[in-house]
């Protein structure tokens, strides 16, 4: 490895705390870099990341075209089968006809009208959660506000009853499953993900059975009526909606407010949507997205062969001066031209992006209104994971 590639160390706490200098070195050194420790090709430039997200020569999976042996990969460990069954039938990891079929069905739950109809509920929930935090004089912004809001919204969309004991497990189950999206997860991480996959799947199957007998005005009841959707696809879709539907919102809320407090700035309430886009760009909650190379590609004169894995560096792309100009590394809450890649692009563009924006705008707006003097009570500690960027807690005072 050259110096730029060596600076990229996703297993180092120092790198995880601030990966942006290493990203700048990678961008300066070229367009594609082989990284031996992770056995991935690193793609740091905005133009390339944006293009490859739309390139059908890459895929989130390869099993729709190749066997593991044909692709030069080992089959997943049989001990992790519950996780892989759950994950592999979800929208995020499906390709070709199966992806198109399920996305078409699920996208009906995220139409502009649906999201608009949710707005009063989201704003009411955000106002109540922030109000409780203010009444307590502060606390952990993550546990008190950032986590409960998106979980409550997705639970309502799915039709998870408020009095179900399992409702309290939705966030822990999701966190355990998402641990598998980090690089080289440990055996303990895999064990927790498998346990969560089993428990979450069992609960959803039981809830689906209830809804078959007594349908409601919710997404699960709607999916039951779709003949071309298997029960496993229903379960996997619901889990994905919860996982993807709250991870970005939680981490953007918390790291976003940490960023604002560190910089000593506040968004203009009249331009809050613009500020939210900049917060999503400046320190994206998803730093890297992996894709398999299904057919040879060439980037900057470098051929990347079929069977390779590329790491699309969202955090680097979002601070690329070639796209965002000389202020790419600065926080500019008034930035108007802001084509960040935080929500992806192409067929895997985040379905829940409009809902995430609604939730973020609501919770940031309520914090500005009810807690104008919000301040840090303690310096946060970053979570060790690199791919999904977050903190253990954000203790604040009002």
Protein backbone atom coordinates (compact mmCIF):
# COMPACT_ATOMS: atom_id res chain seq x y z
CA UNK A 1 0.00 0.00 0.00
CA UNK A 2 1.09 3.57 -0.59
CA UNK A 3 0.79 6.21 2.12
CA UNK A 4 -2.74 7.23 1.09
CA UNK A 5 -4.03 3.67 1.19
CA UNK A 6 -2.27 3.02 4.50
CA UNK A 7 -3.99 6.07 6.02
CA UNK A 8 -7.34 4.36 5.42
CA UNK A 9 -7.64 2.17 8.51
CA UNK A 10 -11.30 1.43 9.33
CA UNK A 11 -10.24 -0.64 12.35
CA UNK A 12 -8.42 2.27 14.00
CA UNK A 13 -10.32 4.40 16.58
CA UNK A 14 -8.33 7.43 15.44
CA UNK A 15 -9.42 6.94 11.84
CA UNK A 16 -13.05 6.31 12.82
CA UNK A 17 -13.03 9.51 14.88
CA UNK A 18 -11.90 11.56 11.87
CA UNK A 19 -11.57 9.75 8.53
CA UNK A 20 -11.63 12.92 6.44
CA UNK A 21 -7.86 13.60 6.18
CA UNK A 22 -7.36 10.04 4.92
CA UNK A 23 -10.15 10.55 2.39
CA UNK A 24 -8.44 13.69 1.11
CA UNK A 25 -5.20 11.74 0.66
CA UNK A 26 -7.01 8.99 -1.26
CA UNK A 27 -8.69 11.50 -3.58
CA UNK A 28 -5.35 13.19 -4.26
CA UNK A 29 -3.65 9.86 -4.99
CA UNK A 30 -6.10 8.52 -7.57
CA UNK A 31 -9.56 7.21 -8.39
CA UNK A 32 -9.32 3.54 -7.34
CA UNK A 33 -7.10 2.01 -4.64
CA UNK A 34 -6.64 -1.64 -3.71
CA UNK A 35 -6.79 -2.06 0.08
CA UNK A 36 -5.32 -5.40 1.13
CA UNK A 37 -6.57 -5.56 4.76
CA UNK A 38 -10.23 -5.35 3.67
CA UNK A 39 -9.69 -6.86 0.19
CA UNK A 40 -11.66 -4.05 -1.39
CA UNK A 41 -11.18 -1.42 -4.05
CA UNK A 42 -11.62 2.01 -2.46
CA UNK A 43 -13.50 4.59 -4.55
CA UNK A 44 -13.14 8.08 -3.03
CA UNK A 45 -14.36 10.56 -5.68
CA UNK A 46 -17.92 11.90 -5.86
CA UNK A 47 -18.18 11.51 -9.63
CA UNK A 48 -17.14 7.85 -9.51
CA UNK A 49 -19.22 6.95 -6.46
CA UNK A 50 -22.31 8.57 -7.98
CA UNK A 51 -21.77 6.80 -11.31
CA UNK A 52 -21.10 3.36 -9.80
CA UNK A 53 -24.22 3.55 -7.65
CA UNK A 54 -26.14 3.61 -10.93
CA UNK A 55 -23.95 1.11 -12.81
CA UNK A 56 -25.70 -2.24 -13.32
CA UNK A 57 -22.33 -3.97 -13.73
CA UNK A 58 -22.22 -3.79 -9.94
CA UNK A 59 -24.66 -5.30 -7.48
CA UNK A 60 -25.44 -5.59 -3.81
CA UNK A 61 -25.37 -9.34 -4.35
CA UNK A 62 -24.15 -11.68 -7.06
CA UNK A 63 -26.23 -14.79 -6.40
CA UNK A 64 -28.84 -13.79 -8.98
CA UNK A 65 -26.17 -14.45 -11.62
CA UNK A 66 -23.46 -16.64 -10.13
CA UNK A 67 -22.96 -19.38 -7.60
CA UNK A 68 -20.49 -18.71 -4.79
CA UNK A 69 -17.99 -21.00 -6.51
CA UNK A 70 -18.39 -19.31 -9.91
CA UNK A 71 -17.82 -15.93 -8.27
CA UNK A 72 -14.74 -17.10 -6.42
CA UNK A 73 -16.31 -16.68 -2.98
CA UNK A 74 -17.03 -19.01 -0.09
CA UNK A 75 -20.61 -19.69 0.92
CA UNK A 76 -21.69 -17.97 4.17
CA UNK A 77 -21.14 -19.85 7.42
CA UNK A 78 -24.15 -22.12 8.02
CA UNK A 79 -24.22 -20.97 11.65
CA UNK A 80 -25.26 -17.51 10.44
CA UNK A 81 -28.10 -18.80 8.26
CA UNK A 82 -30.95 -16.97 10.10
CA UNK A 83 -29.26 -13.62 9.53
CA UNK A 84 -28.51 -14.32 5.87
CA UNK A 85 -32.02 -15.60 5.16
CA UNK A 86 -33.46 -12.45 6.68
CA UNK A 87 -31.00 -10.12 4.97
CA UNK A 88 -30.91 -11.78 1.56
CA UNK A 89 -34.68 -11.50 1.06
CA UNK A 90 -34.77 -7.79 1.89
CA UNK A 91 -35.02 -5.04 -0.68
CA UNK A 92 -31.52 -3.71 -0.04
CA UNK A 93 -29.78 -6.96 -1.04
CA UNK A 94 -32.03 -8.05 -3.87
CA UNK A 95 -31.23 -7.45 -7.52
CA UNK A 96 -32.86 -7.77 -10.93
CA UNK A 97 -36.51 -8.85 -11.16
CA UNK A 98 -36.97 -9.63 -7.45
CA UNK A 99 -35.75 -6.16 -6.47
CA UNK A 100 -37.99 -4.44 -9.01
CA UNK A 101 -41.03 -6.47 -7.91
CA UNK A 102 -40.67 -5.76 -4.18
CA UNK A 103 -39.62 -2.13 -4.60
CA UNK A 104 -42.71 -1.51 -6.71
CA UNK A 105 -44.91 -2.93 -3.97
CA UNK A 106 -43.23 -1.24 -1.01
CA UNK A 107 -42.79 2.14 -2.70
CA UNK A 108 -46.55 2.65 -2.41
CA UNK A 109 -46.02 3.14 1.34
CA UNK A 110 -43.59 6.01 0.74
CA UNK A 111 -45.41 8.16 -1.79
CA UNK A 112 -45.27 11.93 -1.26
CA UNK A 113 -48.91 11.88 -0.18
CA UNK A 114 -48.26 9.14 2.39
CA UNK A 115 -45.32 11.03 3.86
CA UNK A 116 -47.32 14.27 3.86
CA UNK A 117 -50.12 12.55 5.75
CA UNK A 118 -47.59 11.41 8.37
CA UNK A 119 -46.28 14.94 8.94
CA UNK A 120 -48.72 15.92 11.74
CA UNK A 121 -47.95 12.70 13.63
CA UNK A 122 -44.20 13.13 13.22
CA UNK A 123 -44.32 16.75 14.41
CA UNK A 124 -46.49 15.86 17.39
CA UNK A 125 -44.16 13.05 18.44
CA UNK A 126 -41.08 15.25 18.00
CA UNK A 127 -42.64 18.05 20.04
CA UNK A 128 -43.53 15.68 22.87
CA UNK A 129 -40.12 14.01 23.03
CA UNK A 130 -38.24 17.31 22.95
CA UNK A 131 -40.65 18.73 25.53
CA UNK A 132 -39.88 15.87 27.89
CA UNK A 133 -36.14 16.42 27.43
CA UNK A 134 -36.51 20.12 28.20
CA UNK A 135 -38.69 19.45 31.24
CA UNK A 136 -35.98 17.15 32.61
CA UNK A 137 -33.34 19.85 32.13
CA UNK A 138 -31.51 17.72 29.58
CA UNK A 139 -30.26 14.16 29.35
CA UNK A 140 -29.16 11.81 26.58
CA UNK A 141 -30.46 13.32 23.35
CA UNK A 142 -29.99 9.98 21.62
CA UNK A 143 -32.04 7.87 24.04
CA UNK A 144 -34.62 10.55 24.82
CA UNK A 145 -35.34 11.93 21.34
CA UNK A 146 -33.29 10.60 18.43
CA UNK A 147 -34.08 6.91 18.90
CA UNK A 148 -37.76 6.93 19.97
CA UNK A 149 -39.02 9.15 17.14
CA UNK A 150 -38.17 7.10 14.02
CA UNK A 151 -38.86 3.80 15.78
CA UNK A 152 -42.32 5.04 16.77
CA UNK A 153 -43.04 6.25 13.23
CA UNK A 154 -41.97 3.01 11.54
CA UNK A 155 -43.78 0.93 14.17
CA UNK A 156 -46.98 2.85 13.43
CA UNK A 157 -46.51 2.37 9.69
CA UNK A 158 -46.02 -1.37 10.13
CA UNK A 159 -48.87 -1.68 12.60
CA UNK A 160 -46.88 -2.78 15.66
CA UNK A 161 -49.28 -2.33 18.62
CA UNK A 162 -48.10 0.06 21.33
CA UNK A 163 -48.86 -2.50 24.04
CA UNK A 164 -46.80 -5.29 22.46
CA UNK A 165 -43.88 -6.14 24.73
CA UNK A 166 -41.70 -6.71 21.65
CA UNK A 167 -42.06 -3.05 20.64
CA UNK A 168 -39.34 -2.22 23.14
CA UNK A 169 -37.04 -4.69 21.40
CA UNK A 170 -37.28 -3.15 17.93
CA UNK A 171 -34.30 -0.84 18.39
CA UNK A 172 -32.03 -3.43 20.14
CA UNK A 173 -32.87 -6.05 17.51
CA UNK A 174 -32.13 -3.58 14.73
CA UNK A 175 -28.82 -2.50 16.29
CA UNK A 176 -27.72 -6.13 16.63
CA UNK A 177 -28.57 -6.93 13.01
CA UNK A 178 -26.87 -3.78 11.69
CA UNK A 179 -23.68 -4.85 13.46
CA UNK A 180 -23.19 -7.32 10.61
CA UNK A 181 -22.80 -4.49 8.11
CA UNK A 182 -19.48 -3.47 9.66
CA UNK A 183 -16.21 -4.73 8.21
CA UNK A 184 -15.15 -8.17 9.49
CA UNK A 185 -17.75 -8.47 12.29
CA UNK A 186 -16.63 -10.53 15.27
CA UNK A 187 -18.13 -13.89 16.22
CA UNK A 188 -19.90 -12.21 19.12
CA UNK A 189 -21.40 -9.61 16.77
CA UNK A 190 -22.54 -12.39 14.45
CA UNK A 191 -24.05 -14.34 17.34
CA UNK A 192 -26.06 -11.33 18.49
CA UNK A 193 -27.20 -10.67 14.91
CA UNK A 194 -28.38 -14.27 14.51
CA UNK A 195 -30.28 -14.17 17.81
CA UNK A 196 -31.90 -10.87 16.87
CA UNK A 197 -32.78 -12.18 13.40
CA UNK A 198 -34.57 -15.19 14.90
CA UNK A 199 -36.42 -13.17 17.53
CA UNK A 200 -37.42 -10.38 15.15
CA UNK A 201 -38.57 -12.84 12.48
CA UNK A 202 -40.60 -14.88 14.98
CA UNK A 203 -42.34 -11.75 16.25
CA UNK A 204 -43.18 -10.51 12.75
CA UNK A 205 -44.55 -13.90 11.70
CA UNK A 206 -46.79 -13.86 14.77
CA UNK A 207 -47.88 -10.28 13.98
CA UNK A 208 -48.57 -11.24 10.35
CA UNK A 209 -50.75 -14.11 11.58
CA UNK A 210 -52.71 -11.66 13.75
CA UNK A 211 -53.18 -9.28 10.84
CA UNK A 212 -54.40 -12.09 8.59
CA UNK A 213 -57.25 -12.64 11.07
CA UNK A 214 -57.82 -8.97 11.81
CA UNK A 215 -56.43 -6.60 9.15
CA UNK A 216 -55.72 -2.98 10.00
CA UNK A 217 -54.79 0.24 8.25
CA UNK A 218 -51.07 -0.52 8.20
CA UNK A 219 -48.31 -1.72 5.90
CA UNK A 220 -48.27 -5.32 7.10
CA UNK A 221 -52.00 -5.67 6.44
CA UNK A 222 -51.49 -4.18 2.97
CA UNK A 223 -48.61 -6.53 2.16
CA UNK A 224 -50.66 -9.56 3.21
CA UNK A 225 -52.99 -8.90 0.32
CA UNK A 226 -50.18 -9.04 -2.24
CA UNK A 227 -50.15 -12.56 -3.70
CA UNK A 228 -46.69 -12.35 -5.30
CA UNK A 229 -45.01 -11.60 -1.97
CA UNK A 230 -43.83 -14.56 0.10
CA UNK A 231 -44.01 -14.46 3.90
CA UNK A 232 -40.21 -14.43 4.12
CA UNK A 233 -40.08 -11.44 1.79
CA UNK A 234 -42.67 -9.71 3.97
CA UNK A 235 -40.65 -10.36 7.12
CA UNK A 236 -37.37 -9.27 5.51
CA UNK A 237 -38.98 -6.14 4.07
CA UNK A 238 -40.41 -5.10 7.45
CA UNK A 239 -37.06 -5.62 9.18
CA UNK A 240 -35.27 -3.61 6.50
CA UNK A 241 -37.78 -0.76 6.79
CA UNK A 242 -37.14 -0.54 10.51
CA UNK A 243 -33.35 -0.85 10.23
CA UNK A 244 -32.96 1.58 7.34
CA UNK A 245 -35.82 3.75 8.55
CA UNK A 246 -34.22 4.75 11.79
CA UNK A 247 -30.43 4.25 11.66
CA UNK A 248 -29.82 7.26 9.42
CA UNK A 249 -32.25 9.47 11.34
CA UNK A 250 -30.87 8.54 14.76
CA UNK A 251 -27.24 9.04 13.83
CA UNK A 252 -27.83 12.20 11.79
CA UNK A 253 -29.78 13.75 14.66
CA UNK A 254 -27.09 13.01 17.22
CA UNK A 255 -23.91 13.63 15.22
CA UNK A 256 -25.61 16.60 13.58
CA UNK A 257 -26.28 18.29 16.89
CA UNK A 258 -22.80 17.46 18.09
CA UNK A 259 -21.46 19.16 14.97
CA UNK A 260 -23.65 22.22 15.51
CA UNK A 261 -22.60 22.51 19.16
CA UNK A 262 -18.90 22.11 18.28
CA UNK A 263 -19.15 24.83 15.64
CA UNK A 264 -21.26 27.08 17.83
CA UNK A 265 -23.88 27.59 15.10
CA UNK A 266 -27.62 27.10 14.75
CA UNK A 267 -29.67 26.64 11.56
CA UNK A 268 -32.05 29.36 10.45
CA UNK A 269 -35.51 27.91 11.25
CA UNK A 270 -36.76 29.41 7.98
CA UNK A 271 -34.13 27.46 6.02
CA UNK A 272 -34.13 24.26 8.02
CA UNK A 273 -34.47 21.85 5.10
CA UNK A 274 -31.33 23.32 3.50
CA UNK A 275 -29.45 22.96 6.79
CA UNK A 276 -30.55 19.35 7.18
CA UNK A 277 -29.16 18.50 3.73
CA UNK A 278 -25.82 20.03 4.72
CA UNK A 279 -25.75 18.10 7.99
CA UNK A 280 -26.43 14.89 6.04
CA UNK A 281 -23.53 15.75 3.71
CA UNK A 282 -21.00 17.01 6.23
CA UNK A 283 -20.83 13.89 8.40
CA UNK A 284 -22.87 11.19 6.71
CA UNK A 285 -24.23 8.43 8.98
CA UNK A 286 -23.28 5.83 6.34
CA UNK A 287 -19.60 6.25 5.53
CA UNK A 288 -19.20 3.40 3.07
CA UNK A 289 -21.38 1.23 0.85
CA UNK A 290 -20.17 -2.06 -0.61
CA UNK A 291 -20.90 -3.42 -4.08
CA UNK A 292 -19.82 -6.56 -5.95
CA UNK A 293 -18.36 -6.25 -9.45
CA UNK A 294 -20.48 -8.46 -11.71
CA UNK A 295 -18.66 -7.56 -14.93
CA UNK A 296 -15.21 -6.01 -15.36
CA UNK A 297 -15.14 -2.24 -14.96
CA UNK A 298 -12.43 0.37 -15.50
CA UNK A 299 -11.88 3.42 -13.30
CA UNK A 300 -9.13 5.88 -14.10
CA UNK A 301 -7.26 3.32 -16.20
CA UNK A 302 -7.49 0.66 -13.50
CA UNK A 303 -9.38 -2.51 -14.47
CA UNK A 304 -11.37 -3.93 -11.56
CA UNK A 305 -12.27 -7.53 -12.44
CA UNK A 306 -15.45 -9.45 -11.91
CA UNK A 307 -15.58 -10.96 -8.43
CA UNK A 308 -14.03 -7.92 -6.76
CA UNK A 309 -15.68 -5.88 -4.05
CA UNK A 310 -15.67 -2.09 -4.18
CA UNK A 311 -16.03 0.23 -1.20
CA UNK A 312 -17.89 3.34 -2.28
CA UNK A 313 -16.67 5.93 0.21
CA UNK A 314 -19.73 8.10 0.83
CA UNK A 315 -17.93 10.17 3.46
CA UNK A 316 -15.19 11.02 0.98
CA UNK A 317 -17.55 11.68 -1.93
CA UNK A 318 -19.56 14.09 0.20
CA UNK A 319 -16.48 16.22 0.86
CA UNK A 320 -14.96 16.10 -2.61
CA UNK A 321 -13.83 19.60 -3.66
CA UNK A 322 -14.22 18.59 -7.30
CA UNK A 323 -17.99 18.59 -6.70
CA UNK A 324 -18.53 20.84 -3.67
CA UNK A 325 -15.80 23.41 -4.30
CA UNK A 326 -13.18 24.84 -1.96
CA UNK A 327 -15.62 24.81 0.99
CA UNK A 328 -16.23 21.05 0.72
CA UNK A 329 -14.60 20.46 4.10
CA UNK A 330 -16.55 23.24 5.83
CA UNK A 331 -20.02 23.21 7.37
CA UNK A 332 -22.19 25.62 5.38
CA UNK A 333 -25.80 25.51 6.57
CA UNK A 334 -26.86 27.67 3.60
CA UNK A 335 -25.30 25.43 0.91
CA UNK A 336 -27.82 25.38 -1.92
CA UNK A 337 -26.11 23.11 -4.48
CA UNK A 338 -25.82 19.93 -2.43
CA UNK A 339 -26.00 16.63 -4.37
CA UNK A 340 -24.69 14.47 -1.52
CA UNK A 341 -24.83 10.68 -1.85
CA UNK A 342 -25.95 9.97 1.73
CA UNK A 343 -29.16 8.29 0.56
CA UNK A 344 -27.46 6.45 -2.31
CA UNK A 345 -28.53 6.56 -5.94
CA UNK A 346 -29.85 4.31 -8.68
CA UNK A 347 -32.22 1.42 -8.02
CA UNK A 348 -31.09 1.19 -4.39
CA UNK A 349 -31.77 4.84 -3.60
CA UNK A 350 -33.25 5.00 -0.12
CA UNK A 351 -37.03 4.63 -0.32
CA UNK A 352 -37.42 6.25 3.08
CA UNK A 353 -35.42 9.41 2.27
CA UNK A 354 -38.51 11.68 2.24
CA UNK A 355 -39.60 10.28 5.62
CA UNK A 356 -36.10 10.69 7.06
CA UNK A 357 -36.03 14.32 5.91
CA UNK A 358 -39.44 14.92 7.50
CA UNK A 359 -38.31 13.43 10.81
CA UNK A 360 -35.02 15.32 10.83
CA UNK A 361 -36.65 18.63 10.00
CA UNK A 362 -39.27 18.08 12.71
CA UNK A 363 -36.83 17.15 15.47
CA UNK A 364 -34.28 19.86 14.59
CA UNK A 365 -37.07 22.41 14.44
CA UNK A 366 -38.44 21.44 17.85
CA UNK A 367 -34.99 21.53 19.45
CA UNK A 368 -34.38 24.99 18.04
CA UNK A 369 -37.77 26.17 19.28
CA UNK A 370 -37.89 24.55 22.71
CA UNK A 371 -34.18 24.35 23.60
CA UNK A 372 -32.44 27.39 22.07
CA UNK A 373 -29.73 27.21 24.74
CA UNK A 374 -28.97 23.51 24.25
CA UNK A 375 -25.36 22.72 25.19
CA UNK A 376 -23.11 19.70 25.69
CA UNK A 377 -22.96 18.23 29.18
CA UNK A 378 -20.11 15.84 28.33
CA UNK A 379 -17.89 15.06 25.36
CA UNK A 380 -19.45 12.16 23.41
CA UNK A 381 -17.67 8.87 22.73
CA UNK A 382 -17.89 7.53 19.19
CA UNK A 383 -19.11 4.01 18.61
CA UNK A 384 -16.33 1.76 17.30
CA UNK A 385 -18.07 0.96 14.02
CA UNK A 386 -16.84 2.66 10.86
CA UNK A 387 -19.53 1.90 8.28
CA UNK A 388 -22.43 3.20 10.38
CA UNK A 389 -21.22 6.37 12.08
CA UNK A 390 -22.61 7.20 15.51
CA UNK A 391 -21.91 7.89 19.18
CA UNK A 392 -22.67 5.99 22.37
CA UNK A 393 -24.73 8.88 23.76
CA UNK A 394 -25.05 12.66 23.53
CA UNK A 395 -25.49 14.17 26.97
CA UNK A 396 -26.93 17.69 26.79
CA UNK A 397 -28.16 20.38 29.19
CA UNK A 398 -30.95 22.86 28.69
